[in-house]
């Protein structure tokens, strides 16, 4: 299954929704879309991964690269994750690299919070 990438705007913030598989053949598609948003001047982006079914090392590499881009530009990338993604982030010890929430509404609140506190940790226990 290919990766479907759609973007909506909520409260003037881009929400990139992923559906399908984020693997070696699809990682460039995600990076391209996020690069476009950054070029448009967006410093904060929400990445909704709730409908992601598969994530390989190339997909993880893309996420790490994107996190670095946002940190370098003093921006924030917030992930909305499902149990599958949470487990992969925990196993690979990348959970602490990302701010994550369980809903778009929580992600919006997180980005509106000037202190940038994490709403919940990646992983459900």
C-alpha atoms as a PDB file:
ATOM      1  CA  UNK A   1       0.000   0.000   0.000  1.00  0.00           C
ATOM      2  CA  UNK A   2       1.280   3.444  -0.886  1.00  0.00           C
ATOM      3  CA  UNK A   3       1.420   6.376   1.454  1.00  0.00           C
ATOM      4  CA  UNK A   4      -1.406   8.862   1.182  1.00  0.00           C
ATOM      5  CA  UNK A   5      -0.440  12.371   2.313  1.00  0.00           C
ATOM      6  CA  UNK A   6      -3.139  15.006   2.771  1.00  0.00           C
ATOM      7  CA  UNK A   7      -2.854  18.424   4.357  1.00  0.00           C
ATOM      8  CA  UNK A   8      -5.540  20.427   6.105  1.00  0.00           C
ATOM      9  CA  UNK A   9      -5.272  23.693   7.999  1.00  0.00           C
ATOM     10  CA  UNK A  10      -6.581  24.046  11.536  1.00  0.00           C
ATOM     11  CA  UNK A  11      -6.202  27.305  13.436  1.00  0.00           C
ATOM     12  CA  UNK A  12      -3.705  28.446  10.789  1.00  0.00           C
ATOM     13  CA  UNK A  13      -1.509  25.403  11.439  1.00  0.00           C
ATOM     14  CA  UNK A  14      -0.842  22.722   8.824  1.00  0.00           C
ATOM     15  CA  UNK A  15      -1.930  19.217   9.769  1.00  0.00           C
ATOM     16  CA  UNK A  16      -0.334  16.585   7.548  1.00  0.00           C
ATOM     17  CA  UNK A  17      -2.297  13.330   7.654  1.00  0.00           C
ATOM     18  CA  UNK A  18      -0.583  10.096   6.709  1.00  0.00           C
ATOM     19  CA  UNK A  19      -2.425   6.952   5.693  1.00  0.00           C
ATOM     20  CA  UNK A  20      -0.823   3.672   4.662  1.00  0.00           C
ATOM     21  CA  UNK A  21       2.851   2.765   4.755  1.00  0.00           C
ATOM     22  CA  UNK A  22       5.825   5.013   5.443  1.00  0.00           C
ATOM     23  CA  UNK A  23       8.714   3.012   4.021  1.00  0.00           C
ATOM     24  CA  UNK A  24      11.778   3.424   1.831  1.00  0.00           C
ATOM     25  CA  UNK A  25       9.653   3.929  -1.292  1.00  0.00           C
ATOM     26  CA  UNK A  26       7.428   6.579   0.341  1.00  0.00           C
ATOM     27  CA  UNK A  27       9.730   8.514   2.694  1.00  0.00           C
ATOM     28  CA  UNK A  28      10.631  11.101   0.033  1.00  0.00           C
ATOM     29  CA  UNK A  29       6.943  11.929  -0.443  1.00  0.00           C
ATOM     30  CA  UNK A  30       6.619  12.903   3.223  1.00  0.00           C
ATOM     31  CA  UNK A  31       9.846  14.876   3.268  1.00  0.00           C
ATOM     32  CA  UNK A  32       8.837  16.717   0.113  1.00  0.00           C
ATOM     33  CA  UNK A  33       5.497  17.781   1.580  1.00  0.00           C
ATOM     34  CA  UNK A  34       7.022  18.976   4.849  1.00  0.00           C
ATOM     35  CA  UNK A  35       9.775  20.819   2.957  1.00  0.00           C
ATOM     36  CA  UNK A  36       7.062  22.627   0.964  1.00  0.00           C
ATOM     37  CA  UNK A  37       5.335  23.700   4.180  1.00  0.00           C
ATOM     38  CA  UNK A  38       8.576  24.998   5.677  1.00  0.00           C
ATOM     39  CA  UNK A  39       9.316  26.898   2.435  1.00  0.00           C
ATOM     40  CA  UNK A  40       5.844  28.473   2.733  1.00  0.00           C
ATOM     41  CA  UNK A  41       6.916  29.839   6.118  1.00  0.00           C
ATOM     42  CA  UNK A  42       5.340  27.334   8.493  1.00  0.00           C
ATOM     43  CA  UNK A  43       7.495  26.878  11.591  1.00  0.00           C
ATOM     44  CA  UNK A  44       5.113  24.483  13.348  1.00  0.00           C
ATOM     45  CA  UNK A  45       3.547  21.396  11.767  1.00  0.00           C
ATOM     46  CA  UNK A  46       1.323  18.629  13.081  1.00  0.00           C
ATOM     47  CA  UNK A  47       1.951  15.172  11.620  1.00  0.00           C
ATOM     48  CA  UNK A  48      -1.069  12.907  12.104  1.00  0.00           C
ATOM     49  CA  UNK A  49       0.100   9.285  11.965  1.00  0.00           C
ATOM     50  CA  UNK A  50      -3.070   7.677  13.358  1.00  0.00           C
ATOM     51  CA  UNK A  51      -3.789   5.909  10.050  1.00  0.00           C
ATOM     52  CA  UNK A  52      -0.224   4.711   9.508  1.00  0.00           C
ATOM     53  CA  UNK A  53      -0.059   0.923   9.122  1.00  0.00           C
ATOM     54  CA  UNK A  54       3.649   0.403   8.540  1.00  0.00           C
ATOM     55  CA  UNK A  55       6.842   2.258   9.422  1.00  0.00           C
ATOM     56  CA  UNK A  56      10.314   1.040   8.489  1.00  0.00           C
ATOM     57  CA  UNK A  57      13.800   2.358   9.225  1.00  0.00           C
ATOM     58  CA  UNK A  58      13.681   4.723   6.235  1.00  0.00           C
ATOM     59  CA  UNK A  59      10.443   6.185   7.527  1.00  0.00           C
ATOM     60  CA  UNK A  60      11.988   6.596  10.970  1.00  0.00           C
ATOM     61  CA  UNK A  61      15.006   8.241   9.373  1.00  0.00           C
ATOM     62  CA  UNK A  62      12.715  10.726   7.643  1.00  0.00           C
ATOM     63  CA  UNK A  63      11.031  11.571  10.931  1.00  0.00           C
ATOM     64  CA  UNK A  64      14.366  12.113  12.662  1.00  0.00           C
ATOM     65  CA  UNK A  65      15.576  14.331   9.797  1.00  0.00           C
ATOM     66  CA  UNK A  66      12.370  16.372   9.964  1.00  0.00           C
ATOM     67  CA  UNK A  67      12.685  16.779  13.737  1.00  0.00           C
ATOM     68  CA  UNK A  68      16.169  18.205  13.211  1.00  0.00           C
ATOM     69  CA  UNK A  69      14.913  20.632  10.547  1.00  0.00           C
ATOM     70  CA  UNK A  70      12.259  21.996  12.898  1.00  0.00           C
ATOM     71  CA  UNK A  71      14.642  22.275  15.833  1.00  0.00           C
ATOM     72  CA  UNK A  72      17.220  24.103  13.708  1.00  0.00           C
ATOM     73  CA  UNK A  73      14.540  26.581  12.644  1.00  0.00           C
ATOM     74  CA  UNK A  74      13.184  27.000  16.187  1.00  0.00           C
ATOM     75  CA  UNK A  75       9.966  25.331  15.108  1.00  0.00           C
ATOM     76  CA  UNK A  76       8.051  22.359  16.377  1.00  0.00           C
ATOM     77  CA  UNK A  77       6.906  19.126  14.798  1.00  0.00           C
ATOM     78  CA  UNK A  78       4.172  17.408  16.811  1.00  0.00           C
ATOM     79  CA  UNK A  79       3.240  13.807  16.073  1.00  0.00           C
ATOM     80  CA  UNK A  80      -0.178  12.280  16.574  1.00  0.00           C
ATOM     81  CA  UNK A  81       0.538   8.613  17.016  1.00  0.00           C
ATOM     82  CA  UNK A  82      -1.279   5.308  17.264  1.00  0.00           C
ATOM     83  CA  UNK A  83      -0.240   2.295  19.356  1.00  0.00           C
ATOM     84  CA  UNK A  84       1.773   0.824  16.468  1.00  0.00           C
ATOM     85  CA  UNK A  85       3.846   3.992  15.992  1.00  0.00           C
ATOM     86  CA  UNK A  86       4.235   4.438  19.753  1.00  0.00           C
ATOM     87  CA  UNK A  87       5.641   0.919  20.027  1.00  0.00           C
ATOM     88  CA  UNK A  88       8.162   1.500  17.230  1.00  0.00           C
ATOM     89  CA  UNK A  89       9.294   4.795  18.739  1.00  0.00           C
ATOM     90  CA  UNK A  90       9.695   3.103  22.131  1.00  0.00           C
ATOM     91  CA  UNK A  91      11.598   0.101  20.776  1.00  0.00           C
ATOM     92  CA  UNK A  92      13.978   2.344  18.830  1.00  0.00           C
ATOM     93  CA  UNK A  93      14.332   4.694  21.796  1.00  0.00           C
ATOM     94  CA  UNK A  94      13.207   7.667  19.713  1.00  0.00           C
ATOM     95  CA  UNK A  95      10.186   8.553  21.860  1.00  0.00           C
ATOM     96  CA  UNK A  96      12.009  11.386  23.620  1.00  0.00           C
ATOM     97  CA  UNK A  97      12.978  13.002  20.319  1.00  0.00           C
ATOM     98  CA  UNK A  98       9.366  13.825  19.461  1.00  0.00           C
ATOM     99  CA  UNK A  99       6.469  15.611  21.064  1.00  0.00           C
ATOM    100  CA  UNK A 100       3.415  13.437  20.593  1.00  0.00           C
ATOM    101  CA  UNK A 101      -0.271  13.531  21.363  1.00  0.00           C
ATOM    102  CA  UNK A 102      -3.267  11.316  20.790  1.00  0.00           C
ATOM    103  CA  UNK A 103      -5.463  13.787  18.844  1.00  0.00           C
ATOM    104  CA  UNK A 104      -5.330  16.787  16.545  1.00  0.00           C
ATOM    105  CA  UNK A 105      -7.029  18.893  19.222  1.00  0.00           C
ATOM    106  CA  UNK A 106      -4.311  17.992  21.758  1.00  0.00           C
ATOM    107  CA  UNK A 107      -1.628  18.797  19.183  1.00  0.00           C
ATOM    108  CA  UNK A 108      -3.174  22.205  18.541  1.00  0.00           C
ATOM    109  CA  UNK A 109      -3.268  22.917  22.274  1.00  0.00           C
ATOM    110  CA  UNK A 110       0.347  21.809  22.597  1.00  0.00           C
ATOM    111  CA  UNK A 111       1.473  24.230  19.891  1.00  0.00           C
ATOM    112  CA  UNK A 112      -0.549  27.035  21.457  1.00  0.00           C
ATOM    113  CA  UNK A 113       1.183  26.439  24.813  1.00  0.00           C
ATOM    114  CA  UNK A 114       4.222  28.751  24.867  1.00  0.00           C
ATOM    115  CA  UNK A 115       5.957  26.474  27.367  1.00  0.00           C
ATOM    116  CA  UNK A 116       5.686  23.549  24.953  1.00  0.00           C
ATOM    117  CA  UNK A 117       4.858  20.904  27.510  1.00  0.00           C
ATOM    118  CA  UNK A 118       4.295  17.409  26.234  1.00  0.00           C
ATOM    119  CA  UNK A 119       0.659  16.322  26.465  1.00  0.00           C
ATOM    120  CA  UNK A 120       1.499  12.658  26.900  1.00  0.00           C
ATOM    121  CA  UNK A 121       4.477  10.484  26.364  1.00  0.00           C
ATOM    122  CA  UNK A 122       4.770   8.194  23.369  1.00  0.00           C
ATOM    123  CA  UNK A 123       3.698   4.784  24.480  1.00  0.00           C
ATOM    124  CA  UNK A 124       0.709   3.476  26.258  1.00  0.00           C
ATOM    125  CA  UNK A 125       2.486   1.304  28.771  1.00  0.00           C
END
